[in-house]
């Protein structure tokens, strides 16, 4: 019915909401983003919030559109039920380990969702190219961000069901209530195509902020980014009411390394102790190489100063020397570090798994 009159869902107005009720922080973030990518000039942004909404075509007949409320209200769920993102870690399809919910204005939501995923749910494998430290995550951050932005921009907000991101050891699935444009099939997505957003006013504001492109290359960019990072291509699926993106990860590598290390340690200090140490090392290798954060700091100090002593490491980290020596013993048994030469005059060699 809306299409018949040239309307989209996000262009409908909500007279009960005024500009003064919107979040000033969300406007500030938009201005910062738009200025950084030069999608809008400084003079275009040095106007009132109301004038800015009008220039973005988010006001019609003096009233705010639904897009304006979703993008800039600090609690859009008062007007659009389910306008948030759920993130959860699952042991399997049924068992949820822990979860987070991200609420608030859409203009800042994607950044906050991605930040939570990479800080809490993903572990990066650390490597070095010369002196440069490199963290390799299960899914390239630009690909994940693009997928989250696509879900937010193209979502069907009438269903009241939030975007759901399920994270498993071997995959990440983004579930989004929505549908493909008319006469499209899933095979149309990976190739370059015209941009036909489900919520054009939301998509236009995202574009002006520099967060998305309008040329229909989002899916292509996600796939290319994964391939360039040496990851498997994601899987895109669509039904009459849902679009789903699956990223295949290498997160289980840390566990397998941990099991192998645990076995070797177990031979010398007992199976049960080796299993526990192996599990800890495996978990940490999935994120940073080492038993825990302390071991990671020890390794980084050894790389930076190969001649460093256990006493000096203890002073740098701020823990007892005997604790440092315990960590070093575990790392040596795991084959991650080796002391070459005597305590005085020798040096450390760090061997990170490939």
Protein backbone atom coordinates (compact mmCIF):
# COMPACT_ATOMS: atom_id res chain seq x y z
CA UNK A 1 0.00 0.00 0.00
CA UNK A 2 2.84 2.42 0.84
CA UNK A 3 4.52 1.79 -2.51
CA UNK A 4 1.29 2.70 -4.25
CA UNK A 5 1.63 6.24 -2.89
CA UNK A 6 5.40 6.43 -3.35
CA UNK A 7 6.08 5.99 0.36
CA UNK A 8 8.41 3.73 2.30
CA UNK A 9 8.01 2.62 5.90
CA UNK A 10 10.86 4.77 7.16
CA UNK A 11 9.38 7.91 5.53
CA UNK A 12 6.17 7.84 7.60
CA UNK A 13 6.07 10.69 10.14
CA UNK A 14 5.58 10.54 13.90
CA UNK A 15 4.03 13.87 15.03
CA UNK A 16 4.42 13.12 18.74
CA UNK A 17 8.25 13.32 18.60
CA UNK A 18 10.16 16.60 18.33
CA UNK A 19 13.76 17.45 17.45
CA UNK A 20 14.43 18.48 21.07
CA UNK A 21 13.80 14.86 22.15
CA UNK A 22 16.59 13.48 19.99
CA UNK A 23 20.09 12.62 21.21
CA UNK A 24 22.63 15.42 20.81
CA UNK A 25 25.50 12.90 21.01
CA UNK A 26 24.11 11.04 17.99
CA UNK A 27 24.08 14.30 16.00
CA UNK A 28 27.66 15.02 17.05
CA UNK A 29 28.77 11.56 15.93
CA UNK A 30 27.04 12.01 12.57
CA UNK A 31 28.73 15.35 11.99
CA UNK A 32 32.14 13.89 12.87
CA UNK A 33 31.70 10.96 10.49
CA UNK A 34 30.33 13.03 7.60
CA UNK A 35 33.09 15.61 7.91
CA UNK A 36 35.83 12.96 8.10
CA UNK A 37 34.81 11.39 4.78
CA UNK A 38 33.86 14.73 3.20
CA UNK A 39 30.40 13.53 2.22
CA UNK A 40 29.18 16.87 3.56
CA UNK A 41 31.09 20.13 3.82
CA UNK A 42 31.75 21.86 7.12
CA UNK A 43 29.35 24.66 6.22
CA UNK A 44 26.62 22.07 5.58
CA UNK A 45 27.07 20.71 9.10
CA UNK A 46 27.27 24.00 11.00
CA UNK A 47 23.50 24.29 11.19
CA UNK A 48 20.90 23.39 13.78
CA UNK A 49 19.93 19.77 14.35
CA UNK A 50 16.50 20.47 12.90
CA UNK A 51 17.97 22.04 9.77
CA UNK A 52 20.33 19.10 9.42
CA UNK A 53 17.42 16.64 9.58
CA UNK A 54 15.60 18.69 6.96
CA UNK A 55 18.64 18.65 4.65
CA UNK A 56 18.79 14.86 5.05
CA UNK A 57 15.10 14.67 4.09
CA UNK A 58 14.21 13.24 7.50
CA UNK A 59 11.48 15.81 8.14
CA UNK A 60 8.24 15.91 6.16
CA UNK A 61 5.47 18.41 6.74
CA UNK A 62 7.28 19.69 9.81
CA UNK A 63 7.25 16.25 11.47
CA UNK A 64 10.04 13.76 12.09
CA UNK A 65 10.07 10.62 10.02
CA UNK A 66 10.51 7.17 11.53
CA UNK A 67 14.00 7.16 10.03
CA UNK A 68 14.92 10.29 12.02
CA UNK A 69 13.72 8.68 15.26
CA UNK A 70 15.55 5.42 14.64
CA UNK A 71 18.75 7.18 13.66
CA UNK A 72 18.96 9.87 16.34
CA UNK A 73 16.71 9.02 19.31
CA UNK A 74 18.51 7.60 22.36
CA UNK A 75 15.63 5.15 22.90
CA UNK A 76 13.96 4.49 19.53
CA UNK A 77 12.30 1.37 20.97
CA UNK A 78 9.70 3.63 22.59
CA UNK A 79 8.35 4.09 19.06
CA UNK A 80 9.70 1.09 17.12
CA UNK A 81 9.61 -2.15 19.09
CA UNK A 82 12.64 -4.42 18.71
CA UNK A 83 14.96 -1.77 17.25
CA UNK A 84 18.13 -3.20 18.76
CA UNK A 85 20.78 -5.90 18.20
CA UNK A 86 21.29 -9.10 20.21
CA UNK A 87 24.69 -10.80 20.28
CA UNK A 88 25.20 -14.21 21.86
CA UNK A 89 27.84 -16.91 22.14
CA UNK A 90 26.50 -20.46 21.72
CA UNK A 91 28.11 -23.80 22.50
CA UNK A 92 25.61 -25.31 20.06
CA UNK A 93 22.29 -24.34 18.47
CA UNK A 94 20.48 -24.59 21.81
CA UNK A 95 22.96 -23.71 24.57
CA UNK A 96 23.60 -19.99 25.04
CA UNK A 97 26.78 -19.23 27.01
CA UNK A 98 26.41 -15.43 27.34
CA UNK A 99 24.87 -12.52 25.46
CA UNK A 100 24.73 -8.74 25.02
CA UNK A 101 22.11 -6.32 23.73
CA UNK A 102 22.97 -3.07 21.96
CA UNK A 103 20.33 -0.35 22.17
CA UNK A 104 20.18 3.31 21.17
CA UNK A 105 20.39 5.41 17.99
CA UNK A 106 21.16 3.57 14.77
CA UNK A 107 23.79 6.11 13.78
CA UNK A 108 26.13 4.73 16.45
CA UNK A 109 24.80 1.18 16.76
CA UNK A 110 27.00 -0.59 14.19
CA UNK A 111 30.22 0.73 15.74
CA UNK A 112 29.11 -0.39 19.21
CA UNK A 113 28.05 -3.84 18.00
CA UNK A 114 31.37 -4.43 16.24
CA UNK A 115 33.32 -3.15 19.25
CA UNK A 116 31.57 -5.60 21.59
CA UNK A 117 32.13 -8.54 19.22
CA UNK A 118 35.86 -7.90 18.85
CA UNK A 119 36.48 -7.05 22.49
CA UNK A 120 34.38 -9.76 24.14
CA UNK A 121 33.58 -12.53 21.65
CA UNK A 122 36.60 -12.78 19.33
CA UNK A 123 40.20 -13.62 20.10
CA UNK A 124 42.93 -12.43 17.78
CA UNK A 125 46.05 -14.44 16.98
CA UNK A 126 49.09 -12.21 17.35
CA UNK A 127 51.96 -12.33 14.92
CA UNK A 128 54.76 -9.96 13.92
CA UNK A 129 56.12 -8.63 10.67
CA UNK A 130 59.39 -7.10 11.77
CA UNK A 131 58.45 -4.79 14.63
CA UNK A 132 54.82 -4.48 13.54
CA UNK A 133 52.30 -6.36 15.68
CA UNK A 134 49.46 -7.95 13.70
CA UNK A 135 46.22 -9.37 15.12
CA UNK A 136 44.34 -11.83 12.95
CA UNK A 137 40.68 -12.20 13.93
CA UNK A 138 38.27 -14.99 12.89
CA UNK A 139 36.33 -12.52 10.69
CA UNK A 140 37.98 -9.42 9.15
CA UNK A 141 36.65 -6.37 10.98
CA UNK A 142 35.68 -4.42 7.80
CA UNK A 143 33.62 -7.40 6.57
CA UNK A 144 31.82 -7.75 9.90
CA UNK A 145 31.13 -4.02 10.08
CA UNK A 146 29.74 -3.98 6.54
CA UNK A 147 27.46 -6.93 7.31
CA UNK A 148 26.16 -5.31 10.50
CA UNK A 149 25.55 -2.01 8.71
CA UNK A 150 23.68 -3.80 5.91
CA UNK A 151 21.49 -5.56 8.45
CA UNK A 152 20.65 -2.30 10.25
CA UNK A 153 19.99 -0.33 7.07
CA UNK A 154 17.91 -2.95 5.23
CA UNK A 155 16.00 -4.44 8.14
CA UNK A 156 12.22 -4.82 8.21
CA UNK A 157 11.44 -2.87 11.38
CA UNK A 158 7.75 -3.76 11.33
CA UNK A 159 8.31 -7.27 12.73
CA UNK A 160 9.48 -6.20 16.18
CA UNK A 161 12.25 -8.84 16.09
CA UNK A 162 15.76 -7.53 16.76
CA UNK A 163 18.78 -8.32 14.61
CA UNK A 164 20.42 -11.42 16.06
CA UNK A 165 24.09 -12.32 15.83
CA UNK A 166 24.91 -15.86 16.92
CA UNK A 167 28.57 -16.67 17.49
CA UNK A 168 29.82 -20.27 17.55
CA UNK A 169 33.33 -21.72 17.64
CA UNK A 170 33.34 -22.27 13.88
CA UNK A 171 30.92 -19.69 12.49
CA UNK A 172 29.09 -16.39 13.00
CA UNK A 173 25.51 -16.02 11.78
CA UNK A 174 23.69 -12.69 11.38
CA UNK A 175 19.91 -13.09 11.26
CA UNK A 176 17.94 -10.17 9.93
CA UNK A 177 14.21 -9.84 9.31
CA UNK A 178 13.93 -8.54 5.78
CA UNK A 179 13.43 -9.55 2.20
CA UNK A 180 15.14 -9.18 -1.13
CA UNK A 181 13.90 -6.53 -3.57
CA UNK A 182 11.13 -7.65 -5.89
CA UNK A 183 12.26 -10.02 -8.67
CA UNK A 184 15.65 -10.56 -7.00
CA UNK A 185 17.17 -13.89 -5.99
CA UNK A 186 20.06 -14.64 -3.66
CA UNK A 187 22.34 -15.08 -6.69
CA UNK A 188 21.92 -11.36 -7.47
CA UNK A 189 23.61 -10.30 -4.23
CA UNK A 190 27.30 -11.22 -4.74
CA UNK A 191 27.58 -9.40 -8.07
CA UNK A 192 27.56 -5.64 -8.54
CA UNK A 193 23.98 -4.40 -8.67
CA UNK A 194 21.92 -1.28 -8.29
CA UNK A 195 21.34 -0.23 -4.71
CA UNK A 196 17.70 -0.73 -3.72
CA UNK A 197 17.56 -0.22 0.07
CA UNK A 198 14.53 -1.37 2.04
CA UNK A 199 14.79 1.83 4.14
CA UNK A 200 16.08 4.49 1.73
CA UNK A 201 16.06 7.37 4.23
CA UNK A 202 18.10 5.38 6.75
CA UNK A 203 20.44 4.22 3.99
CA UNK A 204 20.88 7.77 2.67
CA UNK A 205 21.86 9.05 6.12
CA UNK A 206 24.33 6.19 6.52
CA UNK A 207 25.77 7.13 3.14
CA UNK A 208 26.10 10.81 4.08
CA UNK A 209 27.94 9.76 7.23
CA UNK A 210 30.35 7.68 5.14
CA UNK A 211 29.33 4.38 6.71
CA UNK A 212 27.99 2.75 3.53
CA UNK A 213 28.13 3.11 -0.24
CA UNK A 214 25.09 3.54 -2.47
CA UNK A 215 26.36 1.56 -5.39
CA UNK A 216 25.16 -1.90 -4.40
CA UNK A 217 28.66 -3.19 -3.62
CA UNK A 218 28.19 -4.08 0.05
CA UNK A 219 27.94 -7.85 -0.43
CA UNK A 220 30.76 -7.84 -2.96
CA UNK A 221 32.96 -5.92 -0.52
CA UNK A 222 32.22 -8.38 2.30
CA UNK A 223 33.17 -11.34 0.11
CA UNK A 224 36.30 -9.70 -1.29
CA UNK A 225 37.49 -8.63 2.16
CA UNK A 226 37.18 -12.19 3.47
CA UNK A 227 38.99 -13.66 0.45
CA UNK A 228 41.81 -11.10 0.68
CA UNK A 229 42.28 -12.04 4.35
CA UNK A 230 42.55 -15.72 3.46
CA UNK A 231 39.15 -16.58 4.93
CA UNK A 232 36.35 -18.64 3.46
CA UNK A 233 33.70 -16.77 1.52
CA UNK A 234 30.59 -16.07 3.62
CA UNK A 235 27.29 -17.72 2.83
CA UNK A 236 24.26 -15.56 2.02
CA UNK A 237 20.77 -17.02 2.36
CA UNK A 238 17.32 -15.51 1.97
CA UNK A 239 13.75 -16.62 2.60
CA UNK A 240 10.45 -14.78 2.27
CA UNK A 241 10.98 -13.09 5.65
CA UNK A 242 14.66 -13.38 6.59
CA UNK A 243 18.13 -12.70 5.24
CA UNK A 244 21.02 -14.60 6.83
CA UNK A 245 24.79 -14.16 6.52
CA UNK A 246 27.17 -16.84 7.78
CA UNK A 247 30.88 -16.20 8.30
CA UNK A 248 33.04 -19.31 8.68
CA UNK A 249 35.79 -18.81 11.23
CA UNK A 250 39.02 -20.44 12.32
CA UNK A 251 38.30 -19.88 16.00
CA UNK A 252 38.60 -23.60 16.77
CA UNK A 253 42.30 -23.50 15.87
CA UNK A 254 43.14 -22.22 19.35
CA UNK A 255 41.41 -25.21 20.95
CA UNK A 256 43.23 -27.76 18.81
CA UNK A 257 46.58 -26.15 19.58
CA UNK A 258 45.68 -26.18 23.25
CA UNK A 259 44.86 -29.89 23.15
CA UNK A 260 48.18 -30.72 21.50
CA UNK A 261 50.16 -28.63 23.98
CA UNK A 262 48.16 -30.11 26.84
CA UNK A 263 49.05 -33.63 25.69
CA UNK A 264 52.76 -32.89 25.55
CA UNK A 265 52.78 -31.18 28.93
CA UNK A 266 50.68 -33.96 30.36
CA UNK A 267 53.40 -36.48 29.51
CA UNK A 268 55.78 -34.78 31.89
CA UNK A 269 53.62 -33.31 34.67
CA UNK A 270 50.47 -35.40 34.71
CA UNK A 271 47.53 -35.80 32.37
CA UNK A 272 45.02 -33.77 34.37
CA UNK A 273 47.39 -30.86 34.93
CA UNK A 274 48.46 -30.98 31.29
CA UNK A 275 44.86 -30.96 30.14
CA UNK A 276 44.05 -27.87 32.19
CA UNK A 277 47.17 -26.04 31.11
CA UNK A 278 46.56 -27.05 27.52
CA UNK A 279 43.03 -25.71 27.67
CA UNK A 280 44.24 -22.40 29.09
CA UNK A 281 47.02 -22.11 26.54
CA UNK A 282 44.65 -23.05 23.74
CA UNK A 283 42.12 -20.42 24.80
CA UNK A 284 44.81 -17.80 25.04
CA UNK A 285 46.44 -18.76 21.74
CA UNK A 286 43.01 -18.29 20.16
CA UNK A 287 43.33 -14.72 21.40
CA UNK A 288 46.88 -13.79 22.07
CA UNK A 289 49.54 -16.62 22.52
CA UNK A 290 50.12 -17.60 26.10
CA UNK A 291 48.37 -18.97 29.15
CA UNK A 292 46.76 -15.66 29.97
CA UNK A 293 47.33 -11.94 29.82
CA UNK A 294 50.39 -12.22 32.08
CA UNK A 295 52.00 -14.80 29.77
CA UNK A 296 51.27 -12.57 26.79
CA UNK A 297 53.10 -9.68 28.49
CA UNK A 298 56.04 -11.98 29.26
CA UNK A 299 56.29 -13.04 25.62
CA UNK A 300 56.10 -9.45 24.38
CA UNK A 301 58.86 -8.39 26.80
CA UNK A 302 61.02 -11.30 25.61
CA UNK A 303 60.50 -10.29 21.99
CA UNK A 304 61.31 -6.67 22.74
CA UNK A 305 64.35 -7.41 24.92
CA UNK A 306 65.64 -10.99 24.36
CA UNK A 307 68.24 -10.64 27.14
CA UNK A 308 65.70 -9.66 29.80
CA UNK A 309 65.82 -11.55 33.11
CA UNK A 310 62.94 -13.03 35.09
CA UNK A 311 63.57 -10.43 37.79
CA UNK A 312 63.32 -7.60 35.26
CA UNK A 313 60.13 -9.09 33.79
CA UNK A 314 58.60 -9.23 37.27
CA UNK A 315 59.45 -5.56 37.75
CA UNK A 316 57.95 -4.58 34.39
CA UNK A 317 54.70 -6.49 34.94
CA UNK A 318 54.40 -5.82 38.66
CA UNK A 319 54.10 -9.39 39.96
CA UNK A 320 56.29 -11.64 42.09
CA UNK A 321 59.37 -13.18 40.44
CA UNK A 322 58.25 -16.71 41.39
CA UNK A 323 54.99 -16.16 39.44
CA UNK A 324 56.98 -15.06 36.40
CA UNK A 325 59.14 -18.17 36.66
CA UNK A 326 56.03 -20.37 36.88
CA UNK A 327 54.63 -18.83 33.68
CA UNK A 328 57.98 -19.16 31.93
CA UNK A 329 58.17 -22.83 32.91
CA UNK A 330 54.77 -23.49 31.35
CA UNK A 331 55.67 -21.58 28.19
CA UNK A 332 58.98 -23.47 27.89
CA UNK A 333 57.27 -26.85 28.26
CA UNK A 334 54.77 -25.77 25.60
CA UNK A 335 57.65 -24.96 23.25
CA UNK A 336 56.64 -21.31 22.97
CA UNK A 337 59.84 -19.88 24.48
CA UNK A 338 63.39 -21.16 24.88
CA UNK A 339 66.37 -19.85 26.81
CA UNK A 340 69.61 -19.92 24.82
CA UNK A 341 72.74 -19.69 26.97
CA UNK A 342 73.19 -19.14 30.68
CA UNK A 343 71.08 -17.01 32.98
CA UNK A 344 73.67 -14.28 32.56
CA UNK A 345 74.67 -13.54 28.99
CA UNK A 346 71.95 -15.69 27.40
CA UNK A 347 68.82 -14.66 25.53
CA UNK A 348 65.23 -15.71 24.89
CA UNK A 349 63.84 -17.09 21.64
CA UNK A 350 60.08 -16.85 21.10
CA UNK A 351 58.47 -19.43 18.82
CA UNK A 352 54.89 -18.51 17.94
CA UNK A 353 52.71 -21.20 16.33
CA UNK A 354 52.06 -20.73 12.63
